[in-house]
Amino acid sequence: MWDEALEVCSQSEIKARINGVRSKMKDFDFLFGLLLGEQILKHTDNLSKTLQATAMSAVEAYSVAKLCIEVFKKIRTDDDFDLFWELAKTTQNSLEVKDPTLPRARKRPRRYEDGTAEPYHPPDVKQHYKQIYFQSVDSIIATIENRFQQKDYKTYSTLEQLIIKAATKKDHLQELNEVVSFYASDFSKSELETQLELLGQMKIAVSGRHLQFCDIHKCFQYLPPAQLSLLSQVSLLVKLIALMPATNAVSERSASALRRVKTYFRSSMTQLRLNNMMVVHIHKSLTDTVDVKSILTEFSAANEERRKVFGSFELENI
């Protein structure tokens, strides 16, 4: 691509930039970083897509994150680095990349010195890149773990664990104590404990192999008023979890959709119409199930003028 660009380009400044990028890509540092980035980002990208699911819960999010962390811990071994190093060397030979070299050993600035130990310098090239490899993997592991070690997230996860364990008749005393201690007067421990026992006796339709919070939430949406009153404390627990989504992917996508819907060509659009269009645009899966014929019929029958202009709608005419 660079060779073709050099043949087409006539500006000396652009040619100099192309030659500079091409020469940089011939360095082993660039190749090593490219391969290492692919090795790490293919797992993090898969994790990111999984966490953006609409029905993702806090407990499920942490479970898939732990699986991803286990993969990174597995590749952070001497044997896996040896395989990665062989791949890098093979790719280097096939692409005619320059041989790896050790960076110049520099003395650490005096303001960073701590103690009398001598600064560490890798003895050979492989050890130098091995250090970079391990530091990169450690950094991504720490980043993922920090996201799930926040105090607010732990509280939210405890709420989900409490209601799921109670529904599956598992020991939930620790989660119950943490929830009651955090929310103080919002819950009565004795009443909540009693109602959680009742929850374990309910038959909840499971959409998957394991019981999820979305199954419990859906069950409570169709409970009669008498049972909701009987499970008032548990119902409040379900509302708290439902009001705090485990992922903000839907709201982020909504913000991106706003720019596509409200363009500068639509400067006269009112707030009411914008809200309605945003709902239709975001919830496309629900919009596809709407009966278009009934909507058009209702629109044309709203007044006599519309009935004269549009008449009646038939399905074959749409």
C-alpha atoms as a PDB file:
ATOM      1  CA  MET A   1       0.000   0.000   0.000  1.00  0.00           C
ATOM      2  CA  TRP A   2       2.836   2.385   0.847  1.00  0.00           C
ATOM      3  CA  ASP A   3       4.604   1.607  -2.458  1.00  0.00           C
ATOM      4  CA  GLU A   4       1.455   2.369  -4.439  1.00  0.00           C
ATOM      5  CA  ALA A   5       0.921   5.577  -2.444  1.00  0.00           C
ATOM      6  CA  LEU A   6       4.477   6.713  -3.212  1.00  0.00           C
ATOM      7  CA  GLU A   7       3.934   6.176  -6.943  1.00  0.00           C
ATOM      8  CA  VAL A   8       0.691   8.181  -6.968  1.00  0.00           C
ATOM      9  CA  CYS A   9       1.687  10.958  -4.570  1.00  0.00           C
ATOM     10  CA  SER A  10       3.591  13.951  -5.952  1.00  0.00           C
ATOM     11  CA  GLN A  11       4.000  16.075  -2.804  1.00  0.00           C
ATOM     12  CA  SER A  12       7.362  15.720  -1.127  1.00  0.00           C
ATOM     13  CA  GLU A  13       5.968  16.302   2.376  1.00  0.00           C
ATOM     14  CA  ILE A  14       3.426  13.497   2.011  1.00  0.00           C
ATOM     15  CA  LYS A  15       6.100  11.187   0.579  1.00  0.00           C
ATOM     16  CA  ALA A  16       8.311  11.874   3.581  1.00  0.00           C
ATOM     17  CA  ARG A  17       5.451  10.969   5.939  1.00  0.00           C
ATOM     18  CA  ILE A  18       4.740   7.751   4.044  1.00  0.00           C
ATOM     19  CA  ASN A  19       8.397   6.745   4.177  1.00  0.00           C
ATOM     20  CA  GLY A  20       8.496   7.539   7.884  1.00  0.00           C
ATOM     21  CA  VAL A  21       5.451   5.368   8.660  1.00  0.00           C
ATOM     22  CA  ARG A  22       6.729   2.535   6.486  1.00  0.00           C
ATOM     23  CA  SER A  23      10.137   2.562   8.151  1.00  0.00           C
ATOM     24  CA  LYS A  24       8.491   2.591  11.579  1.00  0.00           C
ATOM     25  CA  MET A  25       6.416  -0.437  10.654  1.00  0.00           C
ATOM     26  CA  LYS A  26       9.626  -2.285   9.832  1.00  0.00           C
ATOM     27  CA  ASP A  27      10.742  -2.030  13.475  1.00  0.00           C
ATOM     28  CA  PHE A  28      10.300  -5.107  15.644  1.00  0.00           C
ATOM     29  CA  ASP A  29       8.719  -2.952  18.372  1.00  0.00           C
ATOM     30  CA  PHE A  30       5.796  -2.143  16.083  1.00  0.00           C
ATOM     31  CA  LEU A  31       5.291  -5.783  15.090  1.00  0.00           C
ATOM     32  CA  PHE A  32       5.500  -6.995  18.698  1.00  0.00           C
ATOM     33  CA  GLY A  33       3.028  -4.371  19.883  1.00  0.00           C
ATOM     34  CA  LEU A  34       0.647  -5.177  17.029  1.00  0.00           C
ATOM     35  CA  LEU A  35       0.638  -8.906  17.796  1.00  0.00           C
ATOM     36  CA  LEU A  36       0.349  -8.311  21.544  1.00  0.00           C
ATOM     37  CA  GLY A  37      -2.522  -5.882  21.037  1.00  0.00           C
ATOM     38  CA  GLU A  38      -4.367  -8.449  18.936  1.00  0.00           C
ATOM     39  CA  GLN A  39      -3.739 -11.125  21.564  1.00  0.00           C
ATOM     40  CA  ILE A  40      -5.238  -8.955  24.343  1.00  0.00           C
ATOM     41  CA  LEU A  41      -7.931  -6.960  22.553  1.00  0.00           C
ATOM     42  CA  LYS A  42      -9.631  -9.963  20.956  1.00  0.00           C
ATOM     43  CA  HIS A  43     -10.604 -11.124  24.450  1.00  0.00           C
ATOM     44  CA  THR A  44     -11.498  -7.683  25.814  1.00  0.00           C
ATOM     45  CA  ASP A  45     -13.554  -6.865  22.723  1.00  0.00           C
ATOM     46  CA  ASN A  46     -15.502 -10.111  23.135  1.00  0.00           C
ATOM     47  CA  LEU A  47     -16.042  -9.303  26.820  1.00  0.00           C
ATOM     48  CA  SER A  48     -17.196  -5.774  25.974  1.00  0.00           C
ATOM     49  CA  LYS A  49     -19.798  -7.031  23.510  1.00  0.00           C
ATOM     50  CA  THR A  50     -21.065  -9.553  26.050  1.00  0.00           C
ATOM     51  CA  LEU A  51     -21.408  -6.948  28.812  1.00  0.00           C
ATOM     52  CA  GLN A  52     -23.506  -4.709  26.525  1.00  0.00           C
ATOM     53  CA  ALA A  53     -26.422  -7.151  26.472  1.00  0.00           C
ATOM     54  CA  THR A  54     -29.692  -5.514  27.500  1.00  0.00           C
ATOM     55  CA  ALA A  55     -30.630  -8.239  30.013  1.00  0.00           C
ATOM     56  CA  MET A  56     -27.141  -8.447  31.540  1.00  0.00           C
ATOM     57  CA  SER A  57     -27.184  -8.600  35.336  1.00  0.00           C
ATOM     58  CA  ALA A  58     -24.419  -7.677  37.773  1.00  0.00           C
ATOM     59  CA  VAL A  59     -23.852 -11.279  38.853  1.00  0.00           C
ATOM     60  CA  GLU A  60     -23.662 -12.523  35.262  1.00  0.00           C
ATOM     61  CA  ALA A  61     -21.364  -9.649  34.280  1.00  0.00           C
ATOM     62  CA  TYR A  62     -18.893 -10.525  37.018  1.00  0.00           C
ATOM     63  CA  SER A  63     -18.991 -14.217  36.099  1.00  0.00           C
ATOM     64  CA  VAL A  64     -18.090 -13.575  32.436  1.00  0.00           C
ATOM     65  CA  ALA A  65     -15.432 -11.067  33.512  1.00  0.00           C
ATOM     66  CA  LYS A  66     -13.847 -13.714  35.749  1.00  0.00           C
ATOM     67  CA  LEU A  67     -13.721 -16.115  32.800  1.00  0.00           C
ATOM     68  CA  CYS A  68     -11.876 -13.493  30.776  1.00  0.00           C
ATOM     69  CA  ILE A  69      -9.464 -12.867  33.666  1.00  0.00           C
ATOM     70  CA  GLU A  70      -8.745 -16.590  33.887  1.00  0.00           C
ATOM     71  CA  VAL A  71      -7.812 -16.588  30.196  1.00  0.00           C
ATOM     72  CA  PHE A  72      -5.365 -13.725  30.741  1.00  0.00           C
ATOM     73  CA  LYS A  73      -3.860 -15.479  33.758  1.00  0.00           C
ATOM     74  CA  LYS A  74      -3.399 -18.582  31.635  1.00  0.00           C
ATOM     75  CA  ILE A  75      -1.476 -16.746  28.906  1.00  0.00           C
ATOM     76  CA  ARG A  76       0.699 -15.037  31.532  1.00  0.00           C
ATOM     77  CA  THR A  77       3.110 -17.946  31.777  1.00  0.00           C
ATOM     78  CA  ASP A  78       6.597 -18.620  30.495  1.00  0.00           C
ATOM     79  CA  ASP A  79       5.351 -21.355  28.152  1.00  0.00           C
ATOM     80  CA  ASP A  80       2.713 -19.118  26.563  1.00  0.00           C
ATOM     81  CA  PHE A  81       5.209 -16.302  26.146  1.00  0.00           C
ATOM     82  CA  ASP A  82       7.633 -18.712  24.418  1.00  0.00           C
ATOM     83  CA  LEU A  83       4.878 -19.608  21.938  1.00  0.00           C
ATOM     84  CA  PHE A  84       4.084 -15.932  21.423  1.00  0.00           C
ATOM     85  CA  TRP A  85       7.775 -15.135  20.930  1.00  0.00           C
ATOM     86  CA  GLU A  86       8.086 -17.831  18.288  1.00  0.00           C
ATOM     87  CA  LEU A  87       5.055 -16.398  16.498  1.00  0.00           C
ATOM     88  CA  ALA A  88       6.602 -12.937  16.577  1.00  0.00           C
ATOM     89  CA  LYS A  89       9.934 -14.224  15.221  1.00  0.00           C
ATOM     90  CA  THR A  90       8.221 -16.202  12.455  1.00  0.00           C
ATOM     91  CA  THR A  91       6.131 -13.191  11.457  1.00  0.00           C
ATOM     92  CA  GLN A  92       9.243 -11.021  11.532  1.00  0.00           C
ATOM     93  CA  ASN A  93      11.024 -13.255   9.033  1.00  0.00           C
ATOM     94  CA  SER A  94       8.030 -13.466   6.705  1.00  0.00           C
ATOM     95  CA  LEU A  95       7.539  -9.670   6.659  1.00  0.00           C
ATOM     96  CA  GLU A  96      11.260  -8.824   6.538  1.00  0.00           C
ATOM     97  CA  VAL A  97      11.090  -6.788   9.749  1.00  0.00           C
ATOM     98  CA  LYS A  98      14.267  -5.590  11.453  1.00  0.00           C
ATOM     99  CA  ASP A  99      15.777  -7.731  14.206  1.00  0.00           C
ATOM    100  CA  PRO A 100      14.843  -6.815  17.794  1.00  0.00           C
ATOM    101  CA  THR A 101      17.408  -4.829  19.765  1.00  0.00           C
ATOM    102  CA  LEU A 102      17.824  -3.892  23.404  1.00  0.00           C
ATOM    103  CA  PRO A 103      17.059  -0.252  24.250  1.00  0.00           C
ATOM    104  CA  ARG A 104      19.885   1.856  25.578  1.00  0.00           C
ATOM    105  CA  ALA A 105      20.327   1.296  29.310  1.00  0.00           C
ATOM    106  CA  ARG A 106      19.417   4.534  31.035  1.00  0.00           C
ATOM    107  CA  LYS A 107      20.038   5.498  34.622  1.00  0.00           C
ATOM    108  CA  ARG A 108      16.939   6.153  36.642  1.00  0.00           C
ATOM    109  CA  PRO A 109      16.434   9.831  37.621  1.00  0.00           C
ATOM    110  CA  ARG A 110      17.601  10.605  41.143  1.00  0.00           C
ATOM    111  CA  ARG A 111      14.117  11.782  42.232  1.00  0.00           C
ATOM    112  CA  TYR A 112      12.772   8.287  41.523  1.00  0.00           C
ATOM    113  CA  GLU A 113      15.500   6.413  43.349  1.00  0.00           C
ATOM    114  CA  ASP A 114      14.323   4.457  46.365  1.00  0.00           C
ATOM    115  CA  GLY A 115      17.000   2.531  48.227  1.00  0.00           C
ATOM    116  CA  THR A 116      20.440   1.463  47.095  1.00  0.00           C
ATOM    117  CA  ALA A 117      19.450  -1.364  44.721  1.00  0.00           C
ATOM    118  CA  GLU A 118      20.870  -1.246  41.218  1.00  0.00           C
ATOM    119  CA  PRO A 119      18.396  -0.611  38.409  1.00  0.00           C
ATOM    120  CA  TYR A 120      17.300  -3.731  36.534  1.00  0.00           C
ATOM    121  CA  HIS A 121      18.273  -4.084  32.879  1.00  0.00           C
ATOM    122  CA  PRO A 122      17.173  -7.153  30.898  1.00  0.00           C
ATOM    123  CA  PRO A 123      20.151  -9.370  30.001  1.00  0.00           C
ATOM    124  CA  ASP A 124      18.903 -10.140  26.472  1.00  0.00           C
ATOM    125  CA  VAL A 125      16.284  -9.127  23.937  1.00  0.00           C
ATOM    126  CA  LYS A 126      13.842 -11.909  24.779  1.00  0.00           C
ATOM    127  CA  GLN A 127      13.792 -10.984  28.464  1.00  0.00           C
ATOM    128  CA  HIS A 128      13.152  -7.352  27.547  1.00  0.00           C
ATOM    129  CA  TYR A 129      10.059  -8.200  25.527  1.00  0.00           C
ATOM    130  CA  LYS A 130       8.969 -10.757  28.076  1.00  0.00           C
ATOM    131  CA  GLN A 131       8.832  -7.971  30.651  1.00  0.00           C
ATOM    132  CA  ILE A 132       6.654  -5.885  28.303  1.00  0.00           C
ATOM    133  CA  TYR A 133       4.407  -8.894  27.666  1.00  0.00           C
ATOM    134  CA  PHE A 134       3.815  -9.579  31.367  1.00  0.00           C
ATOM    135  CA  GLN A 135       3.292  -5.895  32.194  1.00  0.00           C
ATOM    136  CA  SER A 136       0.630  -5.590  29.490  1.00  0.00           C
ATOM    137  CA  VAL A 137      -1.260  -8.669  30.673  1.00  0.00           C
ATOM    138  CA  ASP A 138      -1.030  -7.563  34.317  1.00  0.00           C
ATOM    139  CA  SER A 139      -2.342  -4.133  33.374  1.00  0.00           C
ATOM    140  CA  ILE A 140      -5.438  -5.474  31.585  1.00  0.00           C
ATOM    141  CA  ILE A 141      -6.177  -7.913  34.446  1.00  0.00           C
ATOM    142  CA  ALA A 142      -5.961  -5.107  37.005  1.00  0.00           C
ATOM    143  CA  THR A 143      -8.174  -2.871  34.856  1.00  0.00           C
ATOM    144  CA  ILE A 144     -10.943  -5.469  34.593  1.00  0.00           C
ATOM    145  CA  GLU A 145     -10.772  -6.336  38.288  1.00  0.00           C
ATOM    146  CA  ASN A 146     -10.929  -2.675  39.336  1.00  0.00           C
ATOM    147  CA  ARG A 147     -14.136  -2.209  37.367  1.00  0.00           C
ATOM    148  CA  PHE A 148     -15.825  -4.919  39.434  1.00  0.00           C
ATOM    149  CA  GLN A 149     -14.332  -4.018  42.819  1.00  0.00           C
ATOM    150  CA  GLN A 150     -16.135  -0.701  43.223  1.00  0.00           C
ATOM    151  CA  LYS A 151     -18.203  -0.325  46.372  1.00  0.00           C
ATOM    152  CA  ASP A 152     -21.448   0.585  44.605  1.00  0.00           C
ATOM    153  CA  TYR A 153     -21.122  -2.373  42.262  1.00  0.00           C
ATOM    154  CA  LYS A 154     -20.629  -4.766  45.174  1.00  0.00           C
ATOM    155  CA  THR A 155     -23.813  -3.474  46.790  1.00  0.00           C
ATOM    156  CA  TYR A 156     -25.764  -3.934  43.567  1.00  0.00           C
ATOM    157  CA  SER A 157     -24.338  -7.421  43.089  1.00  0.00           C
ATOM    158  CA  THR A 158     -25.276  -8.342  46.658  1.00  0.00           C
ATOM    159  CA  LEU A 159     -28.892  -7.364  45.959  1.00  0.00           C
ATOM    160  CA  GLU A 160     -29.031  -9.689  42.977  1.00  0.00           C
ATOM    161  CA  GLN A 161     -27.299 -12.539  44.777  1.00  0.00           C
ATOM    162  CA  LEU A 162     -29.737 -12.243  47.671  1.00  0.00           C
ATOM    163  CA  ILE A 163     -32.873 -12.569  45.564  1.00  0.00           C
ATOM    164  CA  ILE A 164     -31.447 -15.269  43.265  1.00  0.00           C
ATOM    165  CA  LYS A 165     -30.159 -17.386  46.156  1.00  0.00           C
ATOM    166  CA  ALA A 166     -33.484 -17.035  47.956  1.00  0.00           C
ATOM    167  CA  ALA A 167     -35.412 -18.079  44.845  1.00  0.00           C
ATOM    168  CA  THR A 168     -33.169 -21.146  44.411  1.00  0.00           C
ATOM    169  CA  LYS A 169     -33.323 -22.057  48.135  1.00  0.00           C
ATOM    170  CA  LYS A 170     -29.633 -21.430  48.801  1.00  0.00           C
ATOM    171  CA  ASP A 171     -28.053 -19.975  51.916  1.00  0.00           C
ATOM    172  CA  HIS A 172     -28.371 -16.183  51.713  1.00  0.00           C
ATOM    173  CA  LEU A 173     -27.865 -15.081  55.315  1.00  0.00           C
ATOM    174  CA  GLN A 174     -24.670 -13.123  54.558  1.00  0.00           C
ATOM    175  CA  GLU A 175     -26.276 -11.220  51.675  1.00  0.00           C
ATOM    176  CA  LEU A 176     -29.375 -10.541  53.789  1.00  0.00           C
ATOM    177  CA  ASN A 177     -27.309  -8.997  56.586  1.00  0.00           C
ATOM    178  CA  GLU A 178     -25.364  -6.819  54.135  1.00  0.00           C
ATOM    179  CA  VAL A 179     -28.528  -5.532  52.417  1.00  0.00           C
ATOM    180  CA  VAL A 180     -30.338  -4.771  55.680  1.00  0.00           C
ATOM    181  CA  SER A 181     -27.232  -3.087  57.089  1.00  0.00           C
ATOM    182  CA  PHE A 182     -26.786  -0.899  53.992  1.00  0.00           C
ATOM    183  CA  TYR A 183     -30.430   0.140  53.501  1.00  0.00           C
ATOM    184  CA  ALA A 184     -31.127   0.442  57.250  1.00  0.00           C
ATOM    185  CA  SER A 185     -34.783   1.437  57.783  1.00  0.00           C
ATOM    186  CA  ASP A 186     -35.845   0.727  54.178  1.00  0.00           C
ATOM    187  CA  PHE A 187     -36.172  -2.982  54.956  1.00  0.00           C
ATOM    188  CA  SER A 188     -37.408  -4.926  57.952  1.00  0.00           C
ATOM    189  CA  LYS A 189     -35.033  -7.850  58.412  1.00  0.00           C
ATOM    190  CA  SER A 190     -37.629 -10.180  59.927  1.00  0.00           C
ATOM    191  CA  GLU A 191     -40.238  -9.431  57.246  1.00  0.00           C
ATOM    192  CA  LEU A 192     -37.743  -9.646  54.395  1.00  0.00           C
ATOM    193  CA  GLU A 193     -36.374 -12.933  55.693  1.00  0.00           C
ATOM    194  CA  THR A 194     -39.889 -14.372  55.940  1.00  0.00           C
ATOM    195  CA  GLN A 195     -40.875 -13.221  52.476  1.00  0.00           C
ATOM    196  CA  LEU A 196     -37.671 -14.560  50.943  1.00  0.00           C
ATOM    197  CA  GLU A 197     -38.643 -17.987  52.267  1.00  0.00           C
ATOM    198  CA  LEU A 198     -41.976 -17.599  50.476  1.00  0.00           C
ATOM    199  CA  LEU A 199     -40.130 -16.631  47.308  1.00  0.00           C
ATOM    200  CA  GLY A 200     -38.277 -19.955  47.417  1.00  0.00           C
ATOM    201  CA  GLN A 201     -41.621 -21.788  47.267  1.00  0.00           C
ATOM    202  CA  MET A 202     -42.800 -19.976  44.134  1.00  0.00           C
ATOM    203  CA  LYS A 203     -42.563 -21.593  40.735  1.00  0.00           C
ATOM    204  CA  ILE A 204     -40.728 -19.122  38.503  1.00  0.00           C
ATOM    205  CA  ALA A 205     -40.562 -19.750  34.758  1.00  0.00           C
ATOM    206  CA  VAL A 206     -36.903 -19.922  33.724  1.00  0.00           C
ATOM    207  CA  SER A 207     -35.924 -18.620  30.286  1.00  0.00           C
ATOM    208  CA  GLY A 208     -32.489 -20.269  30.374  1.00  0.00           C
ATOM    209  CA  ARG A 209     -30.711 -23.129  32.088  1.00  0.00           C
ATOM    210  CA  HIS A 210     -30.060 -21.098  35.256  1.00  0.00           C
ATOM    211  CA  LEU A 211     -32.411 -18.781  37.085  1.00  0.00           C
ATOM    212  CA  GLN A 212     -31.683 -15.136  36.297  1.00  0.00           C
ATOM    213  CA  PHE A 213     -32.948 -11.879  37.736  1.00  0.00           C
ATOM    214  CA  CYS A 214     -34.894 -11.144  34.539  1.00  0.00           C
ATOM    215  CA  ASP A 215     -36.954 -14.303  35.213  1.00  0.00           C
ATOM    216  CA  ILE A 216     -37.838 -13.102  38.718  1.00  0.00           C
ATOM    217  CA  HIS A 217     -38.583  -9.599  37.442  1.00  0.00           C
ATOM    218  CA  LYS A 218     -40.913 -10.932  34.766  1.00  0.00           C
ATOM    219  CA  CYS A 219     -42.671 -13.129  37.321  1.00  0.00           C
ATOM    220  CA  PHE A 220     -43.365 -10.153  39.620  1.00  0.00           C
ATOM    221  CA  GLN A 221     -44.792  -8.143  36.729  1.00  0.00           C
ATOM    222  CA  TYR A 222     -47.667 -10.630  36.409  1.00  0.00           C
ATOM    223  CA  LEU A 223     -48.325 -11.325  40.086  1.00  0.00           C
ATOM    224  CA  PRO A 224     -51.842 -10.479  41.346  1.00  0.00           C
ATOM    225  CA  PRO A 225     -52.168  -7.647  43.902  1.00  0.00           C
ATOM    226  CA  ALA A 226     -52.713 -10.081  46.793  1.00  0.00           C
ATOM    227  CA  GLN A 227     -49.407 -11.869  46.198  1.00  0.00           C
ATOM    228  CA  LEU A 228     -47.579  -8.570  45.683  1.00  0.00           C
ATOM    229  CA  SER A 229     -48.845  -7.450  49.067  1.00  0.00           C
ATOM    230  CA  LEU A 230     -47.717 -10.730  50.593  1.00  0.00           C
ATOM    231  CA  LEU A 231     -44.233 -10.197  49.092  1.00  0.00           C
ATOM    232  CA  SER A 232     -44.063  -6.432  49.590  1.00  0.00           C
ATOM    233  CA  GLN A 233     -40.471  -6.403  50.887  1.00  0.00           C
ATOM    234  CA  VAL A 234     -39.244  -8.674  48.075  1.00  0.00           C
ATOM    235  CA  SER A 235     -41.158  -6.535  45.562  1.00  0.00           C
ATOM    236  CA  LEU A 236     -39.283  -3.483  46.841  1.00  0.00           C
ATOM    237  CA  LEU A 237     -36.038  -5.418  46.427  1.00  0.00           C
ATOM    238  CA  VAL A 238     -36.919  -6.240  42.812  1.00  0.00           C
ATOM    239  CA  LYS A 239     -37.752  -2.583  42.107  1.00  0.00           C
ATOM    240  CA  LEU A 240     -34.384  -1.443  43.493  1.00  0.00           C
ATOM    241  CA  ILE A 241     -32.513  -3.826  41.211  1.00  0.00           C
ATOM    242  CA  ALA A 242     -34.640  -2.951  38.167  1.00  0.00           C
ATOM    243  CA  LEU A 243     -34.097   0.785  38.694  1.00  0.00           C
ATOM    244  CA  MET A 244     -30.292   0.357  38.682  1.00  0.00           C
ATOM    245  CA  PRO A 245     -29.302  -1.290  35.370  1.00  0.00           C
ATOM    246  CA  ALA A 246     -26.103  -3.314  35.462  1.00  0.00           C
ATOM    247  CA  THR A 247     -24.993  -1.903  32.103  1.00  0.00           C
ATOM    248  CA  ASN A 248     -25.255   1.608  30.636  1.00  0.00           C
ATOM    249  CA  ALA A 249     -24.934   0.371  27.037  1.00  0.00           C
ATOM    250  CA  VAL A 250     -28.584   1.173  26.242  1.00  0.00           C
ATOM    251  CA  SER A 251     -28.298   4.759  27.483  1.00  0.00           C
ATOM    252  CA  GLU A 252     -24.998   5.223  25.613  1.00  0.00           C
ATOM    253  CA  ARG A 253     -26.578   3.991  22.402  1.00  0.00           C
ATOM    254  CA  SER A 254     -29.509   6.335  23.022  1.00  0.00           C
ATOM    255  CA  ALA A 255     -27.135   9.304  23.199  1.00  0.00           C
ATOM    256  CA  SER A 256     -25.550   8.246  19.896  1.00  0.00           C
ATOM    257  CA  ALA A 257     -28.973   7.817  18.285  1.00  0.00           C
ATOM    258  CA  LEU A 258     -30.006  11.349  19.260  1.00  0.00           C
ATOM    259  CA  ARG A 259     -27.514  12.864  16.820  1.00  0.00           C
ATOM    260  CA  ARG A 260     -28.864  10.723  13.999  1.00  0.00           C
ATOM    261  CA  VAL A 261     -32.498  11.573  14.721  1.00  0.00           C
ATOM    262  CA  LYS A 262     -32.180  15.249  15.669  1.00  0.00           C
ATOM    263  CA  THR A 263     -30.099  16.693  12.828  1.00  0.00           C
ATOM    264  CA  TYR A 264     -29.680  20.383  12.034  1.00  0.00           C
ATOM    265  CA  PHE A 265     -32.132  19.911   9.142  1.00  0.00           C
ATOM    266  CA  ARG A 266     -34.861  19.187  11.732  1.00  0.00           C
ATOM    267  CA  SER A 267     -34.547  22.420  13.682  1.00  0.00           C
ATOM    268  CA  SER A 268     -38.321  22.852  14.011  1.00  0.00           C
ATOM    269  CA  MET A 269     -38.907  19.449  15.643  1.00  0.00           C
ATOM    270  CA  THR A 270     -40.724  19.746  18.968  1.00  0.00           C
ATOM    271  CA  GLN A 271     -39.641  17.961  22.138  1.00  0.00           C
ATOM    272  CA  LEU A 272     -42.705  15.692  22.100  1.00  0.00           C
ATOM    273  CA  ARG A 273     -42.054  14.516  18.547  1.00  0.00           C
ATOM    274  CA  LEU A 274     -38.350  14.032  19.316  1.00  0.00           C
ATOM    275  CA  ASN A 275     -39.161  11.858  22.324  1.00  0.00           C
ATOM    276  CA  ASN A 276     -41.556   9.722  20.290  1.00  0.00           C
ATOM    277  CA  MET A 277     -39.059   9.293  17.444  1.00  0.00           C
ATOM    278  CA  MET A 278     -36.284   8.369  19.875  1.00  0.00           C
ATOM    279  CA  VAL A 279     -38.434   5.651  21.419  1.00  0.00           C
ATOM    280  CA  VAL A 280     -39.268   4.244  17.980  1.00  0.00           C
ATOM    281  CA  HIS A 281     -35.641   4.436  16.835  1.00  0.00           C
ATOM    282  CA  ILE A 282     -34.101   2.835  19.936  1.00  0.00           C
ATOM    283  CA  HIS A 283     -36.634   0.042  20.437  1.00  0.00           C
ATOM    284  CA  LYS A 284     -36.600  -1.227  16.854  1.00  0.00           C
ATOM    285  CA  SER A 285     -37.274  -4.807  17.887  1.00  0.00           C
ATOM    286  CA  LEU A 286     -40.575  -3.741  19.450  1.00  0.00           C
ATOM    287  CA  THR A 287     -41.405  -1.366  16.608  1.00  0.00           C
ATOM    288  CA  ASP A 288     -41.258  -4.216  14.087  1.00  0.00           C
ATOM    289  CA  THR A 289     -44.093  -5.982  15.929  1.00  0.00           C
ATOM    290  CA  VAL A 290     -46.488  -3.030  15.677  1.00  0.00           C
ATOM    291  CA  ASP A 291     -49.569  -3.484  13.480  1.00  0.00           C
ATOM    292  CA  VAL A 292     -49.035  -0.782  10.856  1.00  0.00           C
ATOM    293  CA  LYS A 293     -52.498  -1.230   9.353  1.00  0.00           C
ATOM    294  CA  SER A 294     -54.303  -0.434  12.613  1.00  0.00           C
ATOM    295  CA  ILE A 295     -52.129   2.658  13.171  1.00  0.00           C
ATOM    296  CA  LEU A 296     -52.842   4.004   9.686  1.00  0.00           C
ATOM    297  CA  THR A 297     -56.536   3.285  10.079  1.00  0.00           C
ATOM    298  CA  GLU A 298     -56.631   5.138  13.396  1.00  0.00           C
ATOM    299  CA  PHE A 299     -54.726   8.060  11.876  1.00  0.00           C
ATOM    300  CA  SER A 300     -57.036   8.445   8.887  1.00  0.00           C
ATOM    301  CA  ALA A 301     -60.174   8.091  11.031  1.00  0.00           C
ATOM    302  CA  ALA A 302     -59.147  10.838  13.454  1.00  0.00           C
ATOM    303  CA  ASN A 303     -61.154  13.476  11.573  1.00  0.00           C
ATOM    304  CA  GLU A 304     -63.195  13.904   8.445  1.00  0.00           C
ATOM    305  CA  GLU A 305     -60.488  15.779   6.530  1.00  0.00           C
ATOM    306  CA  ARG A 306     -57.994  12.927   6.897  1.00  0.00           C
ATOM    307  CA  ARG A 307     -60.651  10.412   5.910  1.00  0.00           C
ATOM    308  CA  LYS A 308     -61.240  12.322   2.693  1.00  0.00           C
ATOM    309  CA  VAL A 309     -57.514  12.562   1.887  1.00  0.00           C
ATOM    310  CA  PHE A 310     -56.324   9.104   2.887  1.00  0.00           C
ATOM    311  CA  GLY A 311     -59.494   7.027   2.843  1.00  0.00           C
ATOM    312  CA  SER A 312     -59.291   3.555   4.387  1.00  0.00           C
ATOM    313  CA  PHE A 313     -56.119   1.451   4.392  1.00  0.00           C
ATOM    314  CA  GLU A 314     -55.898  -2.151   3.324  1.00  0.00           C
ATOM    315  CA  LEU A 315     -52.940  -4.376   4.096  1.00  0.00           C
ATOM    316  CA  GLU A 316     -52.189  -5.098   0.444  1.00  0.00           C
ATOM    317  CA  ASN A 317     -51.917  -1.361  -0.292  1.00  0.00           C
ATOM    318  CA  ILE A 318     -49.207  -0.723   2.321  1.00  0.00           C
END
